[in-house]
Amino acid sequence: MNIQTLIKMANQIGTFFEPEVALEIAADDTANHIHRFWDPRMRRALIAHVDANGDAELLAVVAAALTRHRDTLLGSVTPHLEAA
C-alpha cells in the first residue's frame, strides 16, 4: 500500500479520537484501532517511514500513538491495549 495512503488513513483515525480529553487517551485509542484493524505489514510500513523521514506528516495524536505503542504495533510484545 502507498505510504501516503497509510499516512492519510492514520491521520483520519487520529482525527476521530483527537477530541478525547487528553492526548494520551486519544493516542492510546488511536494505537488500539491501528493494532486491531490494520494488517501488520501496514503498521510496519508506517513506522518504518516515520523512522526514516520523521513524523511531520502525522497529527500529534498519531505520532504519540506510534511512539507510546511502538513495540505493540510492531508485534514485538503482547498487546496491553484495552478493547475500545
PDB file of N, CA and C in Angstrom:
ATOM      1  N   MET A   1       0.842  -1.177   0.000  1.00  0.00           N
ATOM      2  CA  MET A   1       0.000   0.000   0.000  1.00  0.00           C
ATOM      3  C   MET A   1       0.889   1.243   0.000  1.00  0.00           C
ATOM      4  N   ASN A   2       0.465   2.246  -0.679  1.00  0.00           N
ATOM      5  CA  ASN A   2       1.185   3.512  -0.789  1.00  0.00           C
ATOM      6  C   ASN A   2       1.315   4.178   0.582  1.00  0.00           C
ATOM      7  N   ILE A   3       2.505   4.670   0.906  1.00  0.00           N
ATOM      8  CA  ILE A   3       2.751   5.262   2.223  1.00  0.00           C
ATOM      9  C   ILE A   3       1.887   6.500   2.456  1.00  0.00           C
ATOM     10  N   GLN A   4       1.631   7.282   1.419  1.00  0.00           N
ATOM     11  CA  GLN A   4       0.775   8.462   1.583  1.00  0.00           C
ATOM     12  C   GLN A   4      -0.649   8.055   1.962  1.00  0.00           C
ATOM     13  N   THR A   5      -1.096   6.919   1.453  1.00  0.00           N
ATOM     14  CA  THR A   5      -2.414   6.402   1.825  1.00  0.00           C
ATOM     15  C   THR A   5      -2.427   5.996   3.292  1.00  0.00           C
ATOM     16  N   LEU A   6      -1.365   5.343   3.747  1.00  0.00           N
ATOM     17  CA  LEU A   6      -1.276   4.945   5.156  1.00  0.00           C
ATOM     18  C   LEU A   6      -1.258   6.167   6.073  1.00  0.00           C
ATOM     19  N   ILE A   7      -0.516   7.187   5.676  1.00  0.00           N
ATOM     20  CA  ILE A   7      -0.459   8.423   6.469  1.00  0.00           C
ATOM     21  C   ILE A   7      -1.848   9.058   6.540  1.00  0.00           C
ATOM     22  N   LYS A   8      -2.528   9.127   5.399  1.00  0.00           N
ATOM     23  CA  LYS A   8      -3.872   9.708   5.362  1.00  0.00           C
ATOM     24  C   LYS A   8      -4.826   8.917   6.255  1.00  0.00           C
ATOM     25  N   MET A   9      -4.770   7.591   6.168  1.00  0.00           N
ATOM     26  CA  MET A   9      -5.640   6.748   6.986  1.00  0.00           C
ATOM     27  C   MET A   9      -5.340   6.927   8.473  1.00  0.00           C
ATOM     28  N   ALA A  10      -4.059   6.937   8.830  1.00  0.00           N
ATOM     29  CA  ALA A  10      -3.672   7.107  10.234  1.00  0.00           C
ATOM     30  C   ALA A  10      -4.160   8.457  10.757  1.00  0.00           C
ATOM     31  N   ASN A  11      -4.019   9.497   9.962  1.00  0.00           N
ATOM     32  CA  ASN A  11      -4.477  10.824  10.379  1.00  0.00           C
ATOM     33  C   ASN A  11      -6.002  10.886  10.506  1.00  0.00           C
ATOM     34  N   GLN A  12      -6.720  10.158   9.655  1.00  0.00           N
ATOM     35  CA  GLN A  12      -8.177  10.112   9.776  1.00  0.00           C
ATOM     36  C   GLN A  12      -8.580   9.444  11.092  1.00  0.00           C
ATOM     37  N   ILE A  13      -7.871   8.379  11.455  1.00  0.00           N
ATOM     38  CA  ILE A  13      -8.136   7.705  12.732  1.00  0.00           C
ATOM     39  C   ILE A  13      -7.831   8.663  13.882  1.00  0.00           C
ATOM     40  N   GLY A  14      -6.694   9.333  13.800  1.00  0.00           N
ATOM     41  CA  GLY A  14      -6.326  10.296  14.828  1.00  0.00           C
ATOM     42  C   GLY A  14      -7.340  11.416  14.964  1.00  0.00           C
ATOM     43  N   THR A  15      -7.863  11.890  13.842  1.00  0.00           N
ATOM     44  CA  THR A  15      -8.876  12.946  13.862  1.00  0.00           C
ATOM     45  C   THR A  15     -10.126  12.489  14.605  1.00  0.00           C
ATOM     46  N   PHE A  16     -10.477  11.233  14.435  1.00  0.00           N
ATOM     47  CA  PHE A  16     -11.651  10.694  15.124  1.00  0.00           C
ATOM     48  C   PHE A  16     -11.451  10.701  16.643  1.00  0.00           C
ATOM     49  N   PHE A  17     -10.253  10.289  17.091  1.00  0.00           N
ATOM     50  CA  PHE A  17     -10.001  10.167  18.527  1.00  0.00           C
ATOM     51  C   PHE A  17      -9.464  11.452  19.164  1.00  0.00           C
ATOM     52  N   GLU A  18      -9.061  12.419  18.361  1.00  0.00           N
ATOM     53  CA  GLU A  18      -8.434  13.642  18.863  1.00  0.00           C
ATOM     54  C   GLU A  18      -9.267  14.411  19.895  1.00  0.00           C
ATOM     55  N   PRO A  19     -10.595  14.435  19.788  1.00  0.00           N
ATOM     56  CA  PRO A  19     -11.368  15.197  20.776  1.00  0.00           C
ATOM     57  C   PRO A  19     -11.352  14.617  22.199  1.00  0.00           C
ATOM     58  N   GLU A  20     -10.685  13.462  22.412  1.00  0.00           N
ATOM     59  CA  GLU A  20     -10.590  12.884  23.757  1.00  0.00           C
ATOM     60  C   GLU A  20     -10.051  13.938  24.717  1.00  0.00           C
ATOM     61  N   VAL A  21     -10.288  13.744  25.991  1.00  0.00           N
ATOM     62  CA  VAL A  21      -9.882  14.722  26.995  1.00  0.00           C
ATOM     63  C   VAL A  21      -8.386  14.956  27.048  1.00  0.00           C
ATOM     64  N   ALA A  22      -7.605  13.928  26.905  1.00  0.00           N
ATOM     65  CA  ALA A  22      -6.150  14.066  26.997  1.00  0.00           C
ATOM     66  C   ALA A  22      -5.489  13.414  25.785  1.00  0.00           C
ATOM     67  N   LEU A  23      -4.361  13.976  25.386  1.00  0.00           N
ATOM     68  CA  LEU A  23      -3.620  13.429  24.247  1.00  0.00           C
ATOM     69  C   LEU A  23      -3.277  11.961  24.474  1.00  0.00           C
ATOM     70  N   GLU A  24      -2.917  11.599  25.701  1.00  0.00           N
ATOM     71  CA  GLU A  24      -2.530  10.220  25.999  1.00  0.00           C
ATOM     72  C   GLU A  24      -3.676   9.249  25.732  1.00  0.00           C
ATOM     73  N   ILE A  25      -4.886   9.632  26.118  1.00  0.00           N
ATOM     74  CA  ILE A  25      -6.048   8.766  25.896  1.00  0.00           C
ATOM     75  C   ILE A  25      -6.331   8.648  24.404  1.00  0.00           C
ATOM     76  N   ALA A  26      -6.291   9.757  23.698  1.00  0.00           N
ATOM     77  CA  ALA A  26      -6.519   9.739  22.250  1.00  0.00           C
ATOM     78  C   ALA A  26      -5.444   8.911  21.549  1.00  0.00           C
ATOM     79  N   ALA A  27      -4.191   9.030  21.995  1.00  0.00           N
ATOM     80  CA  ALA A  27      -3.097   8.251  21.402  1.00  0.00           C
ATOM     81  C   ALA A  27      -3.299   6.765  21.662  1.00  0.00           C
ATOM     82  N   ASP A  28      -3.715   6.413  22.878  1.00  0.00           N
ATOM     83  CA  ASP A  28      -3.970   5.008  23.200  1.00  0.00           C
ATOM     84  C   ASP A  28      -5.087   4.448  22.326  1.00  0.00           C
ATOM     85  N   ASP A  29      -6.167   5.206  22.168  1.00  0.00           N
ATOM     86  CA  ASP A  29      -7.287   4.750  21.344  1.00  0.00           C
ATOM     87  C   ASP A  29      -6.899   4.653  19.869  1.00  0.00           C
ATOM     88  N   THR A  30      -6.094   5.581  19.405  1.00  0.00           N
ATOM     89  CA  THR A  30      -5.609   5.542  18.023  1.00  0.00           C
ATOM     90  C   THR A  30      -4.753   4.305  17.799  1.00  0.00           C
ATOM     91  N   ALA A  31      -3.823   4.050  18.713  1.00  0.00           N
ATOM     92  CA  ALA A  31      -2.956   2.869  18.596  1.00  0.00           C
ATOM     93  C   ALA A  31      -3.774   1.587  18.664  1.00  0.00           C
ATOM     94  N   ASN A  32      -4.763   1.550  19.545  1.00  0.00           N
ATOM     95  CA  ASN A  32      -5.608   0.369  19.668  1.00  0.00           C
ATOM     96  C   ASN A  32      -6.331   0.088  18.355  1.00  0.00           C
ATOM     97  N   HIS A  33      -6.879   1.125  17.744  1.00  0.00           N
ATOM     98  CA  HIS A  33      -7.583   0.954  16.471  1.00  0.00           C
ATOM     99  C   HIS A  33      -6.624   0.444  15.381  1.00  0.00           C
ATOM    100  N   ILE A  34      -5.470   1.067  15.275  1.00  0.00           N
ATOM    101  CA  ILE A  34      -4.494   0.652  14.263  1.00  0.00           C
ATOM    102  C   ILE A  34      -4.054  -0.788  14.508  1.00  0.00           C
ATOM    103  N   HIS A  35      -3.837  -1.147  15.758  1.00  0.00           N
ATOM    104  CA  HIS A  35      -3.410  -2.513  16.080  1.00  0.00           C
ATOM    105  C   HIS A  35      -4.490  -3.529  15.732  1.00  0.00           C
ATOM    106  N   ARG A  36      -5.739  -3.195  16.030  1.00  0.00           N
ATOM    107  CA  ARG A  36      -6.835  -4.143  15.819  1.00  0.00           C
ATOM    108  C   ARG A  36      -7.228  -4.304  14.356  1.00  0.00           C
ATOM    109  N   PHE A  37      -7.132  -3.232  13.576  1.00  0.00           N
ATOM    110  CA  PHE A  37      -7.723  -3.267  12.243  1.00  0.00           C
ATOM    111  C   PHE A  37      -6.739  -3.187  11.079  1.00  0.00           C
ATOM    112  N   TRP A  38      -5.491  -2.882  11.337  1.00  0.00           N
ATOM    113  CA  TRP A  38      -4.509  -2.807  10.258  1.00  0.00           C
ATOM    114  C   TRP A  38      -3.708  -4.094  10.186  1.00  0.00           C
ATOM    115  N   ASP A  39      -3.410  -4.490   8.977  1.00  0.00           N
ATOM    116  CA  ASP A  39      -2.509  -5.613   8.757  1.00  0.00           C
ATOM    117  C   ASP A  39      -1.131  -5.254   9.326  1.00  0.00           C
ATOM    118  N   PRO A  40      -0.435  -6.228   9.931  1.00  0.00           N
ATOM    119  CA  PRO A  40       0.899  -5.937  10.477  1.00  0.00           C
ATOM    120  C   PRO A  40       1.850  -5.297   9.467  1.00  0.00           C
ATOM    121  N   ARG A  41       1.725  -5.655   8.196  1.00  0.00           N
ATOM    122  CA  ARG A  41       2.596  -5.053   7.173  1.00  0.00           C
ATOM    123  C   ARG A  41       2.330  -3.559   7.027  1.00  0.00           C
ATOM    124  N   MET A  42       1.080  -3.166   7.175  1.00  0.00           N
ATOM    125  CA  MET A  42       0.735  -1.743   7.099  1.00  0.00           C
ATOM    126  C   MET A  42       1.332  -0.992   8.287  1.00  0.00           C
ATOM    127  N   ARG A  43       1.218  -1.575   9.478  1.00  0.00           N
ATOM    128  CA  ARG A  43       1.777  -0.937  10.678  1.00  0.00           C
ATOM    129  C   ARG A  43       3.287  -0.805  10.565  1.00  0.00           C
ATOM    130  N   ARG A  44       3.950  -1.869  10.127  1.00  0.00           N
ATOM    131  CA  ARG A  44       5.417  -1.833   9.983  1.00  0.00           C
ATOM    132  C   ARG A  44       5.841  -0.806   8.940  1.00  0.00           C
ATOM    133  N   ALA A  45       5.103  -0.714   7.840  1.00  0.00           N
ATOM    134  CA  ALA A  45       5.449   0.249   6.784  1.00  0.00           C
ATOM    135  C   ALA A  45       5.337   1.686   7.292  1.00  0.00           C
ATOM    136  N   LEU A  46       4.286   1.985   8.040  1.00  0.00           N
ATOM    137  CA  LEU A  46       4.117   3.342   8.563  1.00  0.00           C
ATOM    138  C   LEU A  46       5.231   3.677   9.557  1.00  0.00           C
ATOM    139  N   ILE A  47       5.537   2.762  10.454  1.00  0.00           N
ATOM    140  CA  ILE A  47       6.590   3.016  11.440  1.00  0.00           C
ATOM    141  C   ILE A  47       7.949   3.132  10.763  1.00  0.00           C
ATOM    142  N   ALA A  48       8.223   2.306   9.768  1.00  0.00           N
ATOM    143  CA  ALA A  48       9.494   2.399   9.037  1.00  0.00           C
ATOM    144  C   ALA A  48       9.604   3.752   8.333  1.00  0.00           C
ATOM    145  N   HIS A  49       8.508   4.216   7.765  1.00  0.00           N
ATOM    146  CA  HIS A  49       8.509   5.527   7.103  1.00  0.00           C
ATOM    147  C   HIS A  49       8.807   6.639   8.111  1.00  0.00           C
ATOM    148  N   VAL A  50       8.176   6.577   9.259  1.00  0.00           N
ATOM    149  CA  VAL A  50       8.407   7.589  10.299  1.00  0.00           C
ATOM    150  C   VAL A  50       9.853   7.518  10.790  1.00  0.00           C
ATOM    151  N   ASP A  51      10.379   6.309  10.954  1.00  0.00           N
ATOM    152  CA  ASP A  51      11.783   6.156  11.369  1.00  0.00           C
ATOM    153  C   ASP A  51      12.727   6.815  10.369  1.00  0.00           C
ATOM    154  N   ALA A  52      12.427   6.667   9.092  1.00  0.00           N
ATOM    155  CA  ALA A  52      13.309   7.186   8.042  1.00  0.00           C
ATOM    156  C   ALA A  52      13.098   8.672   7.751  1.00  0.00           C
ATOM    157  N   ASN A  53      11.864   9.154   7.928  1.00  0.00           N
ATOM    158  CA  ASN A  53      11.526  10.504   7.468  1.00  0.00           C
ATOM    159  C   ASN A  53      10.966  11.439   8.535  1.00  0.00           C
ATOM    160  N   GLY A  54      10.780  10.953   9.727  1.00  0.00           N
ATOM    161  CA  GLY A  54      10.185  11.774  10.776  1.00  0.00           C
ATOM    162  C   GLY A  54       8.670  11.729  10.723  1.00  0.00           C
ATOM    163  N   ASP A  55       8.046  12.392  11.689  1.00  0.00           N
ATOM    164  CA  ASP A  55       6.590  12.320  11.806  1.00  0.00           C
ATOM    165  C   ASP A  55       5.877  13.628  11.460  1.00  0.00           C
ATOM    166  N   ALA A  56       6.514  14.480  10.685  1.00  0.00           N
ATOM    167  CA  ALA A  56       5.942  15.793  10.357  1.00  0.00           C
ATOM    168  C   ALA A  56       4.605  15.694   9.621  1.00  0.00           C
ATOM    169  N   GLU A  57       4.385  14.606   8.902  1.00  0.00           N
ATOM    170  CA  GLU A  57       3.139  14.459   8.140  1.00  0.00           C
ATOM    171  C   GLU A  57       1.989  13.941   8.997  1.00  0.00           C
ATOM    172  N   LEU A  58       2.290  13.545  10.225  1.00  0.00           N
ATOM    173  CA  LEU A  58       1.282  12.947  11.091  1.00  0.00           C
ATOM    174  C   LEU A  58       0.730  13.954  12.090  1.00  0.00           C
ATOM    175  N   LEU A  59      -0.529  13.788  12.428  1.00  0.00           N
ATOM    176  CA  LEU A  59      -1.100  14.561  13.523  1.00  0.00           C
ATOM    177  C   LEU A  59      -0.359  14.200  14.805  1.00  0.00           C
ATOM    178  N   ALA A  60      -0.347  15.113  15.757  1.00  0.00           N
ATOM    179  CA  ALA A  60       0.345  14.871  17.032  1.00  0.00           C
ATOM    180  C   ALA A  60      -0.177  13.620  17.724  1.00  0.00           C
ATOM    181  N   VAL A  61      -1.475  13.380  17.646  1.00  0.00           N
ATOM    182  CA  VAL A  61      -2.053  12.209  18.305  1.00  0.00           C
ATOM    183  C   VAL A  61      -1.551  10.914  17.664  1.00  0.00           C
ATOM    184  N   VAL A  62      -1.370  10.899  16.357  1.00  0.00           N
ATOM    185  CA  VAL A  62      -0.868   9.708  15.668  1.00  0.00           C
ATOM    186  C   VAL A  62       0.606   9.500  15.992  1.00  0.00           C
ATOM    187  N   ALA A  63       1.374  10.570  15.969  1.00  0.00           N
ATOM    188  CA  ALA A  63       2.791  10.467  16.331  1.00  0.00           C
ATOM    189  C   ALA A  63       2.937   9.934  17.751  1.00  0.00           C
ATOM    190  N   ALA A  64       2.105  10.430  18.667  1.00  0.00           N
ATOM    191  CA  ALA A  64       2.148   9.951  20.052  1.00  0.00           C
ATOM    192  C   ALA A  64       1.753   8.480  20.135  1.00  0.00           C
ATOM    193  N   ALA A  65       0.765   8.080  19.357  1.00  0.00           N
ATOM    194  CA  ALA A  65       0.338   6.677  19.347  1.00  0.00           C
ATOM    195  C   ALA A  65       1.473   5.768  18.891  1.00  0.00           C
ATOM    196  N   LEU A  66       2.163   6.168  17.824  1.00  0.00           N
ATOM    197  CA  LEU A  66       3.260   5.347  17.307  1.00  0.00           C
ATOM    198  C   LEU A  66       4.416   5.286  18.289  1.00  0.00           C
ATOM    199  N   THR A  67       4.667   6.370  18.989  1.00  0.00           N
ATOM    200  CA  THR A  67       5.756   6.403  19.965  1.00  0.00           C
ATOM    201  C   THR A  67       5.407   5.592  21.205  1.00  0.00           C
ATOM    202  N   ARG A  68       4.228   5.833  21.764  1.00  0.00           N
ATOM    203  CA  ARG A  68       3.816   5.179  23.013  1.00  0.00           C
ATOM    204  C   ARG A  68       3.614   3.676  22.847  1.00  0.00           C
ATOM    205  N   HIS A  69       3.198   3.243  21.660  1.00  0.00           N
ATOM    206  CA  HIS A  69       2.829   1.835  21.458  1.00  0.00           C
ATOM    207  C   HIS A  69       3.643   1.170  20.349  1.00  0.00           C
ATOM    208  N   ARG A  70       4.817   1.672  20.120  1.00  0.00           N
ATOM    209  CA  ARG A  70       5.675   1.183  19.039  1.00  0.00           C
ATOM    210  C   ARG A  70       5.849  -0.339  19.065  1.00  0.00           C
ATOM    211  N   ASP A  71       6.277  -0.885  20.204  1.00  0.00           N
ATOM    212  CA  ASP A  71       6.548  -2.321  20.276  1.00  0.00           C
ATOM    213  C   ASP A  71       5.299  -3.150  20.007  1.00  0.00           C
ATOM    214  N   THR A  72       4.178  -2.731  20.548  1.00  0.00           N
ATOM    215  CA  THR A  72       2.927  -3.447  20.308  1.00  0.00           C
ATOM    216  C   THR A  72       2.536  -3.379  18.838  1.00  0.00           C
ATOM    217  N   LEU A  73       2.640  -2.203  18.243  1.00  0.00           N
ATOM    218  CA  LEU A  73       2.261  -2.047  16.839  1.00  0.00           C
ATOM    219  C   LEU A  73       3.181  -2.822  15.906  1.00  0.00           C
ATOM    220  N   LEU A  74       4.443  -2.964  16.308  1.00  0.00           N
ATOM    221  CA  LEU A  74       5.378  -3.759  15.509  1.00  0.00           C
ATOM    222  C   LEU A  74       5.202  -5.252  15.753  1.00  0.00           C
ATOM    223  N   GLY A  75       4.449  -5.602  16.778  1.00  0.00           N
ATOM    224  CA  GLY A  75       4.217  -7.010  17.069  1.00  0.00           C
ATOM    225  C   GLY A  75       5.296  -7.638  17.916  1.00  0.00           C
ATOM    226  N   SER A  76       6.161  -6.812  18.555  1.00  0.00           N
ATOM    227  CA  SER A  76       7.248  -7.377  19.342  1.00  0.00           C
ATOM    228  C   SER A  76       6.869  -7.637  20.793  1.00  0.00           C
ATOM    229  N   VAL A  77       5.678  -7.220  21.189  1.00  0.00           N
ATOM    230  CA  VAL A  77       5.190  -7.525  22.536  1.00  0.00           C
ATOM    231  C   VAL A  77       3.710  -7.865  22.453  1.00  0.00           C
ATOM    232  N   THR A  78       3.224  -8.522  23.490  1.00  0.00           N
ATOM    233  CA  THR A  78       1.805  -8.813  23.572  1.00  0.00           C
ATOM    234  C   THR A  78       1.058  -7.516  23.847  1.00  0.00           C
ATOM    235  N   PRO A  79      -0.025  -7.276  23.138  1.00  0.00           N
ATOM    236  CA  PRO A  79      -0.752  -6.022  23.326  1.00  0.00           C
ATOM    237  C   PRO A  79      -1.294  -5.883  24.740  1.00  0.00           C
ATOM    238  N   HIS A  80      -1.179  -4.673  25.278  1.00  0.00           N
ATOM    239  CA  HIS A  80      -1.754  -4.346  26.577  1.00  0.00           C
ATOM    240  C   HIS A  80      -2.820  -3.278  26.418  1.00  0.00           C
ATOM    241  N   LEU A  81      -3.283  -3.114  25.212  1.00  0.00           N
ATOM    242  CA  LEU A  81      -4.276  -2.082  24.933  1.00  0.00           C
ATOM    243  C   LEU A  81      -5.658  -2.610  25.285  1.00  0.00           C
ATOM    244  N   GLU A  82      -6.466  -1.766  25.862  1.00  0.00           N
ATOM    245  CA  GLU A  82      -7.826  -2.156  26.195  1.00  0.00           C
ATOM    246  C   GLU A  82      -8.690  -2.128  24.946  1.00  0.00           C
ATOM    247  N   ALA A  83      -9.670  -3.007  24.930  1.00  0.00           N
ATOM    248  CA  ALA A  83     -10.606  -3.013  23.804  1.00  0.00           C
ATOM    249  C   ALA A  83     -11.454  -1.755  23.859  1.00  0.00           C
ATOM    250  N   ALA A  84     -11.682  -1.182  22.703  1.00  0.00           N
ATOM    251  CA  ALA A  84     -12.480   0.057  22.647  1.00  0.00           C
ATOM    252  C   ALA A  84     -13.943  -0.270  22.735  1.00  0.00           C
TER     253      ALA A  84
END
